[in-house]
Amino acid sequence: MFLAVVIIPIYILAIISMCFMDSWHKALMFFLMLLIATFVLFLFINYPLQSAIGVICIMALFAFKLKD
């Protein structure tokens, strides 16, 4: 049900918006970002605890900076 209600209309709108973008590079990067966001959303729906821990670990990696 999630697929039919959320994913299909968003991808249809994304494909239409890709036709009006400045370059194919921007359009492909936009579509790649949409694919990644969909995969992350799918992971959060099916595996919420593991996904939350993974996001916290990635945020921690960006928060700490090594001093030379």
PDB file of N, CA and C in Angstrom:
ATOM      1  N   MET A   1       0.829  -1.199   0.000  1.00  0.00           N
ATOM      2  CA  MET A   1       0.000   0.000   0.000  1.00  0.00           C
ATOM      3  C   MET A   1       0.869   1.257   0.000  1.00  0.00           C
ATOM      4  N   PHE A   2       1.971   1.195   0.756  1.00  0.00           N
ATOM      5  CA  PHE A   2       2.894   2.331   0.793  1.00  0.00           C
ATOM      6  C   PHE A   2       3.416   2.643  -0.598  1.00  0.00           C
ATOM      7  N   LEU A   3       3.693   1.614  -1.355  1.00  0.00           N
ATOM      8  CA  LEU A   3       4.220   1.804  -2.707  1.00  0.00           C
ATOM      9  C   LEU A   3       3.232   2.559  -3.583  1.00  0.00           C
ATOM     10  N   ALA A   4       1.979   2.153  -3.570  1.00  0.00           N
ATOM     11  CA  ALA A   4       0.987   2.756  -4.463  1.00  0.00           C
ATOM     12  C   ALA A   4       0.632   4.173  -4.047  1.00  0.00           C
ATOM     13  N   VAL A   5       0.591   4.437  -2.755  1.00  0.00           N
ATOM     14  CA  VAL A   5       0.104   5.734  -2.277  1.00  0.00           C
ATOM     15  C   VAL A   5       1.199   6.793  -2.287  1.00  0.00           C
ATOM     16  N   VAL A   6       2.418   6.436  -1.929  1.00  0.00           N
ATOM     17  CA  VAL A   6       3.467   7.425  -1.753  1.00  0.00           C
ATOM     18  C   VAL A   6       4.474   7.426  -2.899  1.00  0.00           C
ATOM     19  N   ILE A   7       5.007   6.289  -3.215  1.00  0.00           N
ATOM     20  CA  ILE A   7       6.144   6.224  -4.121  1.00  0.00           C
ATOM     21  C   ILE A   7       5.759   6.555  -5.560  1.00  0.00           C
ATOM     22  N   ILE A   8       4.691   5.982  -6.066  1.00  0.00           N
ATOM     23  CA  ILE A   8       4.337   6.167  -7.475  1.00  0.00           C
ATOM     24  C   ILE A   8       4.042   7.629  -7.814  1.00  0.00           C
ATOM     25  N   PRO A   9       3.207   8.362  -7.056  1.00  0.00           N
ATOM     26  CA  PRO A   9       3.004   9.781  -7.405  1.00  0.00           C
ATOM     27  C   PRO A   9       4.262  10.625  -7.292  1.00  0.00           C
ATOM     28  N   ILE A  10       5.109  10.348  -6.303  1.00  0.00           N
ATOM     29  CA  ILE A  10       6.342  11.120  -6.145  1.00  0.00           C
ATOM     30  C   ILE A  10       7.278  10.875  -7.330  1.00  0.00           C
ATOM     31  N   TYR A  11       7.403   9.628  -7.775  1.00  0.00           N
ATOM     32  CA  TYR A  11       8.276   9.335  -8.902  1.00  0.00           C
ATOM     33  C   TYR A  11       7.719   9.897 -10.210  1.00  0.00           C
ATOM     34  N   ILE A  12       6.407   9.900 -10.373  1.00  0.00           N
ATOM     35  CA  ILE A  12       5.825  10.503 -11.575  1.00  0.00           C
ATOM     36  C   ILE A  12       6.108  11.997 -11.606  1.00  0.00           C
ATOM     37  N   LEU A  13       5.915  12.674 -10.481  1.00  0.00           N
ATOM     38  CA  LEU A  13       6.226  14.102 -10.420  1.00  0.00           C
ATOM     39  C   LEU A  13       7.716  14.360 -10.619  1.00  0.00           C
ATOM     40  N   ALA A  14       8.557  13.484 -10.114  1.00  0.00           N
ATOM     41  CA  ALA A  14       9.999  13.651 -10.276  1.00  0.00           C
ATOM     42  C   ALA A  14      10.405  13.503 -11.743  1.00  0.00           C
ATOM     43  N   ILE A  15       9.834  12.548 -12.439  1.00  0.00           N
ATOM     44  CA  ILE A  15      10.168  12.361 -13.851  1.00  0.00           C
ATOM     45  C   ILE A  15       9.697  13.556 -14.671  1.00  0.00           C
ATOM     46  N   ILE A  16       8.520  14.082 -14.346  1.00  0.00           N
ATOM     47  CA  ILE A  16       8.037  15.275 -15.043  1.00  0.00           C
ATOM     48  C   ILE A  16       8.949  16.463 -14.752  1.00  0.00           C
ATOM     49  N   SER A  17       9.354  16.636 -13.492  1.00  0.00           N
ATOM     50  CA  SER A  17      10.221  17.770 -13.160  1.00  0.00           C
ATOM     51  C   SER A  17      11.609  17.618 -13.767  1.00  0.00           C
ATOM     52  N   MET A  18      12.073  16.388 -13.984  1.00  0.00           N
ATOM     53  CA  MET A  18      13.374  16.180 -14.616  1.00  0.00           C
ATOM     54  C   MET A  18      13.391  16.709 -16.048  1.00  0.00           C
ATOM     55  N   CYS A  19      12.241  16.686 -16.702  1.00  0.00           N
ATOM     56  CA  CYS A  19      12.170  17.178 -18.084  1.00  0.00           C
ATOM     57  C   CYS A  19      12.361  18.689 -18.159  1.00  0.00           C
ATOM     58  N   PHE A  20      12.112  19.399 -17.068  1.00  0.00           N
ATOM     59  CA  PHE A  20      12.209  20.859 -17.068  1.00  0.00           C
ATOM     60  C   PHE A  20      13.486  21.383 -16.410  1.00  0.00           C
ATOM     61  N   MET A  21      14.415  20.501 -16.080  1.00  0.00           N
ATOM     62  CA  MET A  21      15.655  20.938 -15.444  1.00  0.00           C
ATOM     63  C   MET A  21      16.656  21.444 -16.484  1.00  0.00           C
ATOM     64  N   ASP A  22      17.664  22.183 -15.997  1.00  0.00           N
ATOM     65  CA  ASP A  22      18.634  22.813 -16.884  1.00  0.00           C
ATOM     66  C   ASP A  22      19.495  21.816 -17.646  1.00  0.00           C
ATOM     67  N   SER A  23      19.946  20.784 -16.953  1.00  0.00           N
ATOM     68  CA  SER A  23      20.855  19.835 -17.596  1.00  0.00           C
ATOM     69  C   SER A  23      20.501  18.412 -17.179  1.00  0.00           C
ATOM     70  N   TRP A  24      21.009  17.465 -17.952  1.00  0.00           N
ATOM     71  CA  TRP A  24      20.777  16.059 -17.620  1.00  0.00           C
ATOM     72  C   TRP A  24      21.519  15.663 -16.351  1.00  0.00           C
ATOM     73  N   HIS A  25      22.645  16.320 -16.117  1.00  0.00           N
ATOM     74  CA  HIS A  25      23.404  16.021 -14.905  1.00  0.00           C
ATOM     75  C   HIS A  25      22.583  16.349 -13.659  1.00  0.00           C
ATOM     76  N   LYS A  26      21.949  17.515 -13.636  1.00  0.00           N
ATOM     77  CA  LYS A  26      21.100  17.875 -12.506  1.00  0.00           C
ATOM     78  C   LYS A  26      19.931  16.903 -12.374  1.00  0.00           C
ATOM     79  N   ALA A  27      19.356  16.527 -13.496  1.00  0.00           N
ATOM     80  CA  ALA A  27      18.213  15.619 -13.472  1.00  0.00           C
ATOM     81  C   ALA A  27      18.606  14.248 -12.926  1.00  0.00           C
ATOM     82  N   LEU A  28      19.759  13.747 -13.353  1.00  0.00           N
ATOM     83  CA  LEU A  28      20.199  12.439 -12.858  1.00  0.00           C
ATOM     84  C   LEU A  28      20.574  12.488 -11.378  1.00  0.00           C
ATOM     85  N   MET A  29      21.200  13.563 -10.950  1.00  0.00           N
ATOM     86  CA  MET A  29      21.532  13.697  -9.531  1.00  0.00           C
ATOM     87  C   MET A  29      20.272  13.807  -8.676  1.00  0.00           C
ATOM     88  N   PHE A  30      19.272  14.510  -9.197  1.00  0.00           N
ATOM     89  CA  PHE A  30      17.990  14.616  -8.500  1.00  0.00           C
ATOM     90  C   PHE A  30      17.339  13.249  -8.379  1.00  0.00           C
ATOM     91  N   PHE A  31      17.351  12.474  -9.467  1.00  0.00           N
ATOM     92  CA  PHE A  31      16.742  11.145  -9.434  1.00  0.00           C
ATOM     93  C   PHE A  31      17.511  10.211  -8.509  1.00  0.00           C
ATOM     94  N   LEU A  32      18.823  10.317  -8.495  1.00  0.00           N
ATOM     95  CA  LEU A  32      19.633   9.515  -7.586  1.00  0.00           C
ATOM     96  C   LEU A  32      19.328   9.866  -6.136  1.00  0.00           C
ATOM     97  N   MET A  33      19.180  11.155  -5.844  1.00  0.00           N
ATOM     98  CA  MET A  33      18.822  11.580  -4.493  1.00  0.00           C
ATOM     99  C   MET A  33      17.453  11.033  -4.097  1.00  0.00           C
ATOM    100  N   LEU A  34      16.520  11.019  -5.039  1.00  0.00           N
ATOM    101  CA  LEU A  34      15.190  10.486  -4.763  1.00  0.00           C
ATOM    102  C   LEU A  34      15.241   8.986  -4.492  1.00  0.00           C
ATOM    103  N   LEU A  35      16.047   8.255  -5.239  1.00  0.00           N
ATOM    104  CA  LEU A  35      16.203   6.818  -4.994  1.00  0.00           C
ATOM    105  C   LEU A  35      16.792   6.546  -3.611  1.00  0.00           C
ATOM    106  N   ILE A  36      17.805   7.320  -3.230  1.00  0.00           N
ATOM    107  CA  ILE A  36      18.422   7.142  -1.913  1.00  0.00           C
ATOM    108  C   ILE A  36      17.434   7.477  -0.811  1.00  0.00           C
ATOM    109  N   ALA A  37      16.673   8.570  -0.972  1.00  0.00           N
ATOM    110  CA  ALA A  37      15.687   8.951   0.038  1.00  0.00           C
ATOM    111  C   ALA A  37      14.600   7.887   0.175  1.00  0.00           C
ATOM    112  N   THR A  38      14.187   7.305  -0.931  1.00  0.00           N
ATOM    113  CA  THR A  38      13.182   6.240  -0.879  1.00  0.00           C
ATOM    114  C   THR A  38      13.719   5.019  -0.155  1.00  0.00           C
ATOM    115  N   PHE A  39      14.971   4.660  -0.429  1.00  0.00           N
ATOM    116  CA  PHE A  39      15.569   3.507   0.236  1.00  0.00           C
ATOM    117  C   PHE A  39      15.701   3.739   1.733  1.00  0.00           C
ATOM    118  N   VAL A  40      16.116   4.941   2.131  1.00  0.00           N
ATOM    119  CA  VAL A  40      16.238   5.255   3.557  1.00  0.00           C
ATOM    120  C   VAL A  40      14.869   5.227   4.218  1.00  0.00           C
ATOM    121  N   LEU A  41      13.852   5.769   3.554  1.00  0.00           N
ATOM    122  CA  LEU A  41      12.497   5.732   4.100  1.00  0.00           C
ATOM    123  C   LEU A  41      12.013   4.297   4.250  1.00  0.00           C
ATOM    124  N   PHE A  42      12.294   3.459   3.273  1.00  0.00           N
ATOM    125  CA  PHE A  42      11.934   2.047   3.350  1.00  0.00           C
ATOM    126  C   PHE A  42      12.624   1.371   4.534  1.00  0.00           C
ATOM    127  N   LEU A  43      13.905   1.688   4.743  1.00  0.00           N
ATOM    128  CA  LEU A  43      14.615   1.098   5.869  1.00  0.00           C
ATOM    129  C   LEU A  43      14.033   1.564   7.204  1.00  0.00           C
ATOM    130  N   PHE A  44      13.673   2.845   7.296  1.00  0.00           N
ATOM    131  CA  PHE A  44      13.111   3.340   8.549  1.00  0.00           C
ATOM    132  C   PHE A  44      11.753   2.724   8.841  1.00  0.00           C
ATOM    133  N   ILE A  45      10.992   2.401   7.815  1.00  0.00           N
ATOM    134  CA  ILE A  45       9.686   1.776   8.047  1.00  0.00           C
ATOM    135  C   ILE A  45       9.863   0.329   8.496  1.00  0.00           C
ATOM    136  N   ASN A  46      10.767  -0.401   7.864  1.00  0.00           N
ATOM    137  CA  ASN A  46      10.921  -1.825   8.160  1.00  0.00           C
ATOM    138  C   ASN A  46      11.854  -2.119   9.339  1.00  0.00           C
ATOM    139  N   TYR A  47      12.888  -1.305   9.514  1.00  0.00           N
ATOM    140  CA  TYR A  47      13.859  -1.536  10.584  1.00  0.00           C
ATOM    141  C   TYR A  47      14.117  -0.223  11.332  1.00  0.00           C
ATOM    142  N   PRO A  48      13.183   0.223  12.168  1.00  0.00           N
ATOM    143  CA  PRO A  48      13.335   1.557  12.766  1.00  0.00           C
ATOM    144  C   PRO A  48      14.505   1.679  13.744  1.00  0.00           C
ATOM    145  N   LEU A  49      14.719   0.690  14.596  1.00  0.00           N
ATOM    146  CA  LEU A  49      15.786   0.808  15.602  1.00  0.00           C
ATOM    147  C   LEU A  49      17.167   0.788  14.952  1.00  0.00           C
ATOM    148  N   GLN A  50      17.397  -0.156  14.055  1.00  0.00           N
ATOM    149  CA  GLN A  50      18.693  -0.244  13.398  1.00  0.00           C
ATOM    150  C   GLN A  50      18.962   0.990  12.542  1.00  0.00           C
ATOM    151  N   SER A  51      17.928   1.526  11.896  1.00  0.00           N
ATOM    152  CA  SER A  51      18.103   2.711  11.065  1.00  0.00           C
ATOM    153  C   SER A  51      18.420   3.929  11.915  1.00  0.00           C
ATOM    154  N   ALA A  52      17.747   4.054  13.050  1.00  0.00           N
ATOM    155  CA  ALA A  52      18.018   5.195  13.927  1.00  0.00           C
ATOM    156  C   ALA A  52      19.440   5.133  14.477  1.00  0.00           C
ATOM    157  N   ILE A  53      19.882   3.953  14.860  1.00  0.00           N
ATOM    158  CA  ILE A  53      21.244   3.802  15.368  1.00  0.00           C
ATOM    159  C   ILE A  53      22.252   4.113  14.262  1.00  0.00           C
ATOM    160  N   GLY A  54      21.967   3.656  13.037  1.00  0.00           N
ATOM    161  CA  GLY A  54      22.855   3.945  11.914  1.00  0.00           C
ATOM    162  C   GLY A  54      22.959   5.434  11.615  1.00  0.00           C
ATOM    163  N   VAL A  55      21.836   6.142  11.657  1.00  0.00           N
ATOM    164  CA  VAL A  55      21.846   7.583  11.409  1.00  0.00           C
ATOM    165  C   VAL A  55      22.600   8.314  12.511  1.00  0.00           C
ATOM    166  N   ILE A  56      22.425   7.897  13.750  1.00  0.00           N
ATOM    167  CA  ILE A  56      23.146   8.518  14.865  1.00  0.00           C
ATOM    168  C   ILE A  56      24.649   8.305  14.710  1.00  0.00           C
ATOM    169  N   CYS A  57      25.057   7.126  14.282  1.00  0.00           N
ATOM    170  CA  CYS A  57      26.487   6.860  14.071  1.00  0.00           C
ATOM    171  C   CYS A  57      27.052   7.717  12.935  1.00  0.00           C
ATOM    172  N   ILE A  58      26.299   7.865  11.856  1.00  0.00           N
ATOM    173  CA  ILE A  58      26.769   8.709  10.750  1.00  0.00           C
ATOM    174  C   ILE A  58      26.856  10.166  11.185  1.00  0.00           C
ATOM    175  N   MET A  59      25.872  10.637  11.961  1.00  0.00           N
ATOM    176  CA  MET A  59      25.913  12.003  12.465  1.00  0.00           C
ATOM    177  C   MET A  59      27.111  12.202  13.384  1.00  0.00           C
ATOM    178  N   ALA A  60      27.430  11.192  14.188  1.00  0.00           N
ATOM    179  CA  ALA A  60      28.586  11.287  15.081  1.00  0.00           C
ATOM    180  C   ALA A  60      29.889  11.354  14.288  1.00  0.00           C
ATOM    181  N   LEU A  61      29.964  10.633  13.173  1.00  0.00           N
ATOM    182  CA  LEU A  61      31.165  10.696  12.345  1.00  0.00           C
ATOM    183  C   LEU A  61      31.399  12.094  11.797  1.00  0.00           C
ATOM    184  N   PHE A  62      30.327  12.787  11.433  1.00  0.00           N
ATOM    185  CA  PHE A  62      30.466  14.154  10.924  1.00  0.00           C
ATOM    186  C   PHE A  62      30.675  15.174  12.038  1.00  0.00           C
ATOM    187  N   ALA A  63      30.314  14.833  13.270  1.00  0.00           N
ATOM    188  CA  ALA A  63      30.428  15.785  14.370  1.00  0.00           C
ATOM    189  C   ALA A  63      31.856  15.889  14.888  1.00  0.00           C
ATOM    190  N   PHE A  64      32.590  14.778  14.868  1.00  0.00           N
ATOM    191  CA  PHE A  64      33.945  14.793  15.400  1.00  0.00           C
ATOM    192  C   PHE A  64      34.951  15.086  14.313  1.00  0.00           C
ATOM    193  N   LYS A  65      35.900  15.967  14.614  1.00  0.00           N
ATOM    194  CA  LYS A  65      36.946  16.288  13.668  1.00  0.00           C
ATOM    195  C   LYS A  65      38.297  15.945  14.298  1.00  0.00           C
ATOM    196  N   LEU A  66      39.111  15.283  13.523  1.00  0.00           N
ATOM    197  CA  LEU A  66      40.445  14.935  14.008  1.00  0.00           C
ATOM    198  C   LEU A  66      41.364  16.144  13.891  1.00  0.00           C
ATOM    199  N   LYS A  67      42.160  16.360  14.925  1.00  0.00           N
ATOM    200  CA  LYS A  67      43.113  17.461  14.893  1.00  0.00           C
ATOM    201  C   LYS A  67      44.471  16.922  14.490  1.00  0.00           C
ATOM    202  N   ASP A  68      45.100  17.599  13.559  1.00  0.00           N
ATOM    203  CA  ASP A  68      46.431  17.163  13.097  1.00  0.00           C
ATOM    204  C   ASP A  68      47.533  17.727  13.963  1.00  0.00           C
TER     205      ASP A  68
END
